[in-house]
C-alpha atoms as a PDB file:
ATOM      1  CA  LYS A   1     -17.611 -23.582 -58.622  1.00  0.00           C
ATOM      2  CA  GLY A   2     -17.381 -23.941 -55.395  1.00  0.00           C
ATOM      3  CA  LYS A   3     -15.714 -20.252 -55.064  1.00  0.00           C
ATOM      4  CA  LYS A   4     -17.216 -17.507 -52.838  1.00  0.00           C
ATOM      5  CA  GLY A   5     -17.123 -13.777 -53.891  1.00  0.00           C
ATOM      6  CA  ILE A   6     -19.333 -10.943 -52.490  1.00  0.00           C
ATOM      7  CA  ILE A   7     -22.154  -8.389 -54.105  1.00  0.00           C
ATOM      8  CA  ASP A   8     -23.515  -5.463 -53.269  1.00  0.00           C
ATOM      9  CA  ASN A   9     -26.896  -5.071 -52.951  1.00  0.00           C
ATOM     10  CA  LYS A  10     -27.085  -4.488 -57.393  1.00  0.00           C
ATOM     11  CA  GLY A  11     -25.169  -7.189 -58.020  1.00  0.00           C
ATOM     12  CA  ASN A  12     -21.640  -5.931 -58.584  1.00  0.00           C
ATOM     13  CA  TYR A  13     -19.039  -8.045 -57.453  1.00  0.00           C
ATOM     14  CA  ILE A  14     -16.919  -6.687 -54.362  1.00  0.00           C
ATOM     15  CA  LEU A  15     -14.504  -9.374 -54.751  1.00  0.00           C
ATOM     16  CA  GLU A  16     -14.650 -12.437 -57.295  1.00  0.00           C
ATOM     17  CA  PRO A  17     -15.653 -15.749 -56.109  1.00  0.00           C
ATOM     18  CA  THR A  18     -12.176 -17.037 -56.011  1.00  0.00           C
ATOM     19  CA  TYR A  19     -11.911 -17.659 -52.350  1.00  0.00           C
ATOM     20  CA  GLU A  20     -12.826 -21.352 -50.917  1.00  0.00           C
ATOM     21  CA  ASN A  21     -14.123 -19.556 -47.101  1.00  0.00           C
ATOM     22  CA  ILE A  22     -15.787 -15.915 -46.448  1.00  0.00           C
ATOM     23  CA  GLU A  23     -17.223 -15.193 -43.226  1.00  0.00           C
ATOM     24  CA  ASP A  24     -19.651 -12.337 -42.052  1.00  0.00           C
ATOM     25  CA  GLU A  25     -18.661  -9.115 -41.741  1.00  0.00           C
ATOM     26  CA  ARG A  26     -17.284  -7.927 -38.550  1.00  0.00           C
ATOM     27  CA  GLU A  27     -16.910  -4.139 -37.711  1.00  0.00           C
ATOM     28  CA  GLY A  28     -16.805  -3.688 -41.962  1.00  0.00           C
ATOM     29  CA  TYR A  29     -14.453  -6.379 -42.379  1.00  0.00           C
ATOM     30  CA  PHE A  30     -14.571  -9.462 -43.910  1.00  0.00           C
ATOM     31  CA  LYS A  31     -12.827 -13.031 -43.439  1.00  0.00           C
ATOM     32  CA  LEU A  32     -10.884 -14.387 -46.264  1.00  0.00           C
ATOM     33  CA  GLU A  33      -9.857 -17.767 -46.787  1.00  0.00           C
ATOM     34  CA  THR A  34      -7.897 -19.450 -49.856  1.00  0.00           C
ATOM     35  CA  HIS A  35      -5.125 -21.838 -50.439  1.00  0.00           C
ATOM     36  CA  ASN A  36      -5.298 -22.551 -46.269  1.00  0.00           C
ATOM     37  CA  ARG A  37      -4.050 -18.834 -46.204  1.00  0.00           C
ATOM     38  CA  ILE A  38      -6.532 -16.462 -43.951  1.00  0.00           C
ATOM     39  CA  GLY A  39      -6.566 -12.598 -44.443  1.00  0.00           C
ATOM     40  CA  PHE A  40      -9.168  -9.873 -44.387  1.00  0.00           C
ATOM     41  CA  ALA A  41     -11.083  -7.166 -46.567  1.00  0.00           C
ATOM     42  CA  ASP A  42     -12.941  -4.505 -46.210  1.00  0.00           C
ATOM     43  CA  ARG A  43     -16.378  -3.668 -47.607  1.00  0.00           C
ATOM     44  CA  ASP A  44     -14.672  -1.820 -50.826  1.00  0.00           C
ATOM     45  CA  GLY A  45     -13.204  -5.022 -51.449  1.00  0.00           C
ATOM     46  CA  LYS A  46      -9.777  -4.318 -50.487  1.00  0.00           C
ATOM     47  CA  ILE A  47      -7.613  -6.550 -48.934  1.00  0.00           C
ATOM     48  CA  VAL A  48      -6.538  -5.180 -45.259  1.00  0.00           C
ATOM     49  CA  VAL A  49      -4.530  -7.862 -43.904  1.00  0.00           C
ATOM     50  CA  PRO A  50      -3.011 -10.363 -46.212  1.00  0.00           C
ATOM     51  CA  LEU A  51      -4.286 -13.424 -46.660  1.00  0.00           C
ATOM     52  CA  GLN A  52      -0.730 -15.069 -44.620  1.00  0.00           C
ATOM     53  CA  TYR A  53      -1.954 -16.216 -41.130  1.00  0.00           C
ATOM     54  CA  LEU A  54      -3.149 -19.807 -40.706  1.00  0.00           C
ATOM     55  CA  ASP A  55      -5.866 -19.114 -38.157  1.00  0.00           C
ATOM     56  CA  ALA A  56      -7.115 -15.649 -37.201  1.00  0.00           C
ATOM     57  CA  GLY A  57      -9.975 -14.600 -34.860  1.00  0.00           C
ATOM     58  CA  GLU A  58     -12.955 -12.651 -35.519  1.00  0.00           C
ATOM     59  CA  VAL A  59     -12.235  -8.354 -35.428  1.00  0.00           C
ATOM     60  CA  SER A  60     -12.980  -6.786 -32.326  1.00  0.00           C
ATOM     61  CA  GLU A  61     -12.515  -3.475 -31.437  1.00  0.00           C
ATOM     62  CA  GLY A  62     -10.347  -2.382 -34.815  1.00  0.00           C
ATOM     63  CA  LEU A  63      -7.845  -6.004 -33.793  1.00  0.00           C
ATOM     64  CA  VAL A  64      -7.910  -8.983 -34.708  1.00  0.00           C
ATOM     65  CA  TRP A  65      -5.372 -11.873 -33.696  1.00  0.00           C
ATOM     66  CA  VAL A  66      -3.462 -14.123 -36.431  1.00  0.00           C
ATOM     67  CA  GLU A  67      -1.398 -16.895 -35.934  1.00  0.00           C
ATOM     68  CA  LYS A  68       1.922 -16.912 -38.150  1.00  0.00           C
ATOM     69  CA  GLU A  69       4.248 -20.475 -39.285  1.00  0.00           C
ATOM     70  CA  ASP A  70       5.606 -21.076 -36.124  1.00  0.00           C
ATOM     71  CA  ALA A  71       2.492 -21.225 -34.360  1.00  0.00           C
ATOM     72  CA  LEU A  72       2.835 -18.119 -32.525  1.00  0.00           C
ATOM     73  CA  VAL A  73       0.064 -15.449 -32.198  1.00  0.00           C
ATOM     74  CA  GLY A  74      -0.041 -11.797 -32.311  1.00  0.00           C
ATOM     75  CA  PHE A  75      -2.329  -8.948 -32.746  1.00  0.00           C
ATOM     76  CA  VAL A  76      -2.930  -6.917 -36.001  1.00  0.00           C
ATOM     77  CA  ASP A  77      -4.631  -3.537 -36.763  1.00  0.00           C
ATOM     78  CA  MET A  78      -7.107  -3.331 -40.153  1.00  0.00           C
ATOM     79  CA  GLN A  79      -3.996  -2.056 -42.145  1.00  0.00           C
ATOM     80  CA  GLY A  80      -2.304  -4.939 -41.398  1.00  0.00           C
ATOM     81  CA  LYS A  81      -0.143  -3.510 -39.074  1.00  0.00           C
ATOM     82  CA  LYS A  82       1.547  -5.486 -36.109  1.00  0.00           C
ATOM     83  CA  VAL A  83       0.214  -3.654 -32.606  1.00  0.00           C
ATOM     84  CA  ILE A  84       0.594  -6.975 -30.184  1.00  0.00           C
ATOM     85  CA  ASP A  85       3.845  -9.105 -31.370  1.00  0.00           C
ATOM     86  CA  PHE A  86       4.130 -12.897 -31.770  1.00  0.00           C
ATOM     87  CA  LYS A  87       5.069 -13.836 -28.663  1.00  0.00           C
ATOM     88  CA  LEU A  88       1.449 -15.511 -27.441  1.00  0.00           C
ATOM     89  CA  ASP A  89       0.381 -19.430 -27.976  1.00  0.00           C
ATOM     90  CA  TYR A  90      -3.391 -19.089 -27.630  1.00  0.00           C
ATOM     91  CA  CYS A  91      -5.486 -16.049 -27.276  1.00  0.00           C
ATOM     92  CA  GLY A  92      -8.762 -14.533 -27.548  1.00  0.00           C
ATOM     93  CA  ASP A  93     -10.668 -11.738 -29.479  1.00  0.00           C
ATOM     94  CA  PHE A  94     -10.217  -8.142 -27.338  1.00  0.00           C
ATOM     95  CA  SER A  95     -14.167  -7.225 -25.581  1.00  0.00           C
ATOM     96  CA  GLU A  96     -13.994  -4.247 -23.354  1.00  0.00           C
ATOM     97  CA  GLY A  97      -9.987  -3.658 -24.003  1.00  0.00           C
ATOM     98  CA  LEU A  98      -8.929  -7.257 -22.786  1.00  0.00           C
ATOM     99  CA  ALA A  99      -8.448 -10.436 -24.394  1.00  0.00           C
ATOM    100  CA  SER A 100      -7.597 -13.622 -22.843  1.00  0.00           C
ATOM    101  CA  ALA A 101      -4.568 -14.714 -23.456  1.00  0.00           C
ATOM    102  CA  THR A 102      -1.619 -17.781 -22.627  1.00  0.00           C
ATOM    103  CA  ARG A 103       2.155 -17.692 -23.073  1.00  0.00           C
ATOM    104  CA  TYR A 104       4.116 -20.543 -22.414  1.00  0.00           C
ATOM    105  CA  ALA A 105       7.984 -20.107 -21.334  1.00  0.00           C
ATOM    106  CA  GLN A 106      10.723 -19.940 -24.144  1.00  0.00           C
ATOM    107  CA  GLU A 107      13.842 -19.786 -22.007  1.00  0.00           C
ATOM    108  CA  GLU A 108      14.873 -21.516 -18.830  1.00  0.00           C
ATOM    109  CA  GLY A 109      14.005 -19.522 -15.444  1.00  0.00           C
ATOM    110  CA  GLU A 110      10.976 -17.895 -17.740  1.00  0.00           C
ATOM    111  CA  GLU A 111       7.594 -19.038 -16.098  1.00  0.00           C
ATOM    112  CA  ASP A 112       3.906 -19.664 -18.008  1.00  0.00           C
ATOM    113  CA  CYS A 113       1.730 -16.821 -17.950  1.00  0.00           C
ATOM    114  CA  TYR A 114      -2.012 -17.554 -18.494  1.00  0.00           C
ATOM    115  CA  GLY A 115      -5.315 -14.670 -17.894  1.00  0.00           C
ATOM    116  CA  TYR A 116      -6.071 -11.195 -19.850  1.00  0.00           C
ATOM    117  CA  ILE A 117      -3.262  -8.930 -21.921  1.00  0.00           C
ATOM    118  CA  ASN A 118      -4.441  -5.158 -22.782  1.00  0.00           C
ATOM    119  CA  LYS A 119      -4.347  -3.772 -26.341  1.00  0.00           C
ATOM    120  CA  LYS A 120      -0.415  -3.636 -25.515  1.00  0.00           C
ATOM    121  CA  GLY A 121       0.015  -6.808 -25.262  1.00  0.00           C
ATOM    122  CA  ASN A 122       0.829  -7.139 -20.725  1.00  0.00           C
ATOM    123  CA  PHE A 123      -0.784  -9.240 -18.709  1.00  0.00           C
ATOM    124  CA  VAL A 124      -2.302  -7.364 -16.597  1.00  0.00           C
ATOM    125  CA  ILE A 125      -4.629 -10.438 -14.950  1.00  0.00           C
ATOM    126  CA  LYS A 126      -2.623 -13.478 -14.327  1.00  0.00           C
ATOM    127  CA  MET A 127      -4.420 -16.384 -13.623  1.00  0.00           C
ATOM    128  CA  ASP A 128      -3.875 -20.308 -14.001  1.00  0.00           C
ATOM    129  CA  LEU A 129      -7.342 -20.927 -15.661  1.00  0.00           C
ATOM    130  CA  ASP A 130      -8.458 -23.976 -17.711  1.00  0.00           C
ATOM    131  CA  ASP A 131     -10.858 -21.774 -19.891  1.00  0.00           C
ATOM    132  CA  SER A 132     -11.839 -17.957 -19.810  1.00  0.00           C
ATOM    133  CA  GLY A 133     -14.246 -16.329 -22.065  1.00  0.00           C
ATOM    134  CA  ASP A 134     -15.098 -12.382 -22.583  1.00  0.00           C
ATOM    135  CA  PHE A 135     -15.407  -9.957 -20.520  1.00  0.00           C
ATOM    136  CA  LYS A 136     -18.599  -8.192 -21.446  1.00  0.00           C
ATOM    137  CA  GLU A 137     -20.678  -5.685 -18.568  1.00  0.00           C
ATOM    138  CA  GLY A 138     -17.030  -5.398 -16.749  1.00  0.00           C
ATOM    139  CA  LEU A 139     -17.244  -9.396 -15.887  1.00  0.00           C
ATOM    140  CA  ALA A 140     -16.065 -12.690 -17.640  1.00  0.00           C
ATOM    141  CA  PRO A 141     -16.942 -16.174 -16.445  1.00  0.00           C
ATOM    142  CA  VAL A 142     -13.442 -18.412 -16.089  1.00  0.00           C
ATOM    143  CA  CYS A 143     -13.051 -21.919 -15.203  1.00  0.00           C
ATOM    144  CA  ILE A 144     -10.884 -23.182 -12.522  1.00  0.00           C
ATOM    145  CA  ASP A 145     -10.458 -26.709 -11.028  1.00  0.00           C
ATOM    146  CA  ASN A 146     -12.625 -27.427 -14.415  1.00  0.00           C
ATOM    147  CA  LYS A 147     -15.621 -25.321 -12.801  1.00  0.00           C
ATOM    148  CA  TYR A 148     -16.876 -22.229 -13.413  1.00  0.00           C
ATOM    149  CA  GLY A 149     -17.116 -18.608 -11.142  1.00  0.00           C
ATOM    150  CA  TYR A 150     -16.731 -14.714 -12.191  1.00  0.00           C
ATOM    151  CA  ILE A 151     -14.110 -12.407 -11.961  1.00  0.00           C
ATOM    152  CA  ASN A 152     -13.962  -7.960 -12.664  1.00  0.00           C
ATOM    153  CA  LYS A 153     -11.809  -6.708 -14.396  1.00  0.00           C
ATOM    154  CA  LYS A 154      -9.453  -6.586 -11.486  1.00  0.00           C
ATOM    155  CA  GLY A 155      -8.889 -10.578 -11.414  1.00  0.00           C
ATOM    156  CA  GLU A 156     -10.449 -10.721  -8.314  1.00  0.00           C
ATOM    157  CA  LEU A 157     -13.152 -13.683  -8.120  1.00  0.00           C
ATOM    158  CA  ILE A 158     -17.019 -12.026  -7.302  1.00  0.00           C
ATOM    159  CA  CYS A 159     -18.214 -15.539  -7.341  1.00  0.00           C
ATOM    160  CA  GLN A 160     -16.304 -19.094  -6.807  1.00  0.00           C
ATOM    161  CA  PRO A 161     -16.022 -22.067  -9.383  1.00  0.00           C
ATOM    162  CA  ILE A 162     -19.518 -23.725  -8.726  1.00  0.00           C
ATOM    163  CA  TYR A 163     -20.988 -24.208 -12.055  1.00  0.00           C
ATOM    164  CA  ALA A 164     -20.012 -26.664 -14.197  1.00  0.00           C
ATOM    165  CA  SER A 165     -20.939 -24.157 -17.295  1.00  0.00           C
ATOM    166  CA  ALA A 166     -21.402 -20.690 -18.262  1.00  0.00           C
ATOM    167  CA  THR A 167     -21.610 -18.521 -21.050  1.00  0.00           C
ATOM    168  CA  ASN A 168     -20.594 -14.386 -21.012  1.00  0.00           C
ATOM    169  CA  PHE A 169     -22.936 -11.875 -20.023  1.00  0.00           C
ATOM    170  CA  ALA A 170     -25.775 -10.374 -22.003  1.00  0.00           C
ATOM    171  CA  HIS A 171     -28.330  -8.025 -20.128  1.00  0.00           C
ATOM    172  CA  GLY A 172     -27.164  -8.604 -16.352  1.00  0.00           C
ATOM    173  CA  LEU A 173     -27.181 -12.531 -16.874  1.00  0.00           C
ATOM    174  CA  SER A 174     -24.651 -15.849 -17.890  1.00  0.00           C
ATOM    175  CA  CYS A 175     -26.507 -18.433 -19.054  1.00  0.00           C
ATOM    176  CA  VAL A 176     -24.703 -21.482 -16.521  1.00  0.00           C
ATOM    177  CA  GLN A 177     -25.411 -25.710 -15.626  1.00  0.00           C
ATOM    178  CA  MET A 178     -25.047 -26.770 -12.302  1.00  0.00           C
ATOM    179  CA  GLU A 179     -24.043 -30.040 -13.671  1.00  0.00           C
ATOM    180  CA  GLU A 180     -22.244 -31.360 -16.971  1.00  0.00           C
ATOM    181  CA  ASN A 181     -24.619 -32.256 -19.401  1.00  0.00           C
ATOM    182  CA  GLY A 182     -27.480 -30.984 -17.302  1.00  0.00           C
ATOM    183  CA  LYS A 183     -30.420 -28.609 -17.798  1.00  0.00           C
ATOM    184  CA  TYR A 184     -29.551 -24.363 -18.175  1.00  0.00           C
ATOM    185  CA  GLY A 185     -30.069 -21.671 -15.847  1.00  0.00           C
ATOM    186  CA  TYR A 186     -28.890 -18.217 -15.188  1.00  0.00           C
ATOM    187  CA  ALA A 187     -27.274 -16.678 -13.096  1.00  0.00           C
ATOM    188  CA  ASP A 188     -26.938 -12.854 -11.998  1.00  0.00           C
ATOM    189  CA  LYS A 189     -23.667 -10.709 -11.254  1.00  0.00           C
ATOM    190  CA  THR A 190     -23.078 -12.101  -7.918  1.00  0.00           C
ATOM    191  CA  GLY A 191     -23.229 -15.736  -9.278  1.00  0.00           C
ATOM    192  CA  LYS A 192     -26.309 -15.910  -7.845  1.00  0.00           C
ATOM    193  CA  LEU A 193     -28.735 -18.423  -9.398  1.00  0.00           C
ATOM    194  CA  VAL A 194     -31.675 -16.539 -10.581  1.00  0.00           C
ATOM    195  CA  ILE A 195     -33.386 -18.637 -12.590  1.00  0.00           C
ATOM    196  CA  PRO A 196     -33.404 -22.514 -12.059  1.00  0.00           C
ATOM    197  CA  CYS A 197     -31.279 -25.505 -13.814  1.00  0.00           C
ATOM    198  CA  GLN A 198     -34.435 -26.121 -15.912  1.00  0.00           C
ATOM    199  CA  LEU A 199     -34.010 -25.244 -19.536  1.00  0.00           C
ATOM    200  CA  ASN A 200     -33.235 -27.434 -22.203  1.00  0.00           C
ATOM    201  CA  ASP A 201     -30.989 -25.502 -24.123  1.00  0.00           C
ATOM    202  CA  SER A 202     -28.599 -23.181 -23.525  1.00  0.00           C
ATOM    203  CA  PRO A 203     -27.862 -19.518 -26.123  1.00  0.00           C
ATOM    204  CA  GLU A 204     -24.632 -20.602 -27.953  1.00  0.00           C
END
């Protein structure tokens, strides 16, 4: 009847089909949505994060970002306990202990913060970024003035922004474009183009 649930491999219901959407399992948890509210259940069908949030990320390293009514974002663990205060305006999923984040100034005299936070919610990398990817293999793609380069976990640019797009690293390579809407190639962990931009599609 247009609703989704979860069954085990014997056909028994783990969660009755009462949800509008259920996403694939991540780290042993399912993202659930109903009545425009999001929460999470474990593999036994137990609701571990109540369906009370407007939006949520993907479970990563045991944490997930969630958005409240006031549009502010924080992180909870998979028991639903708040781990990072709801003080962020944007954040990505954790990867290698860091997550991209943005916090706009709330009071006079404060400054906007952009960059990456640790699992205590502290900005350990502060950079004015147009866009940012996840840390993989110690590096992350970042966009500055509409061009992509790569930073390490100290926030140091190991490759100046020269690419029109760049993906997270996998097996030592990042898929890149030299020109917007152009063909794809691959850069290594120094930022050097090692496979020319002659491919018609990217892996993501």
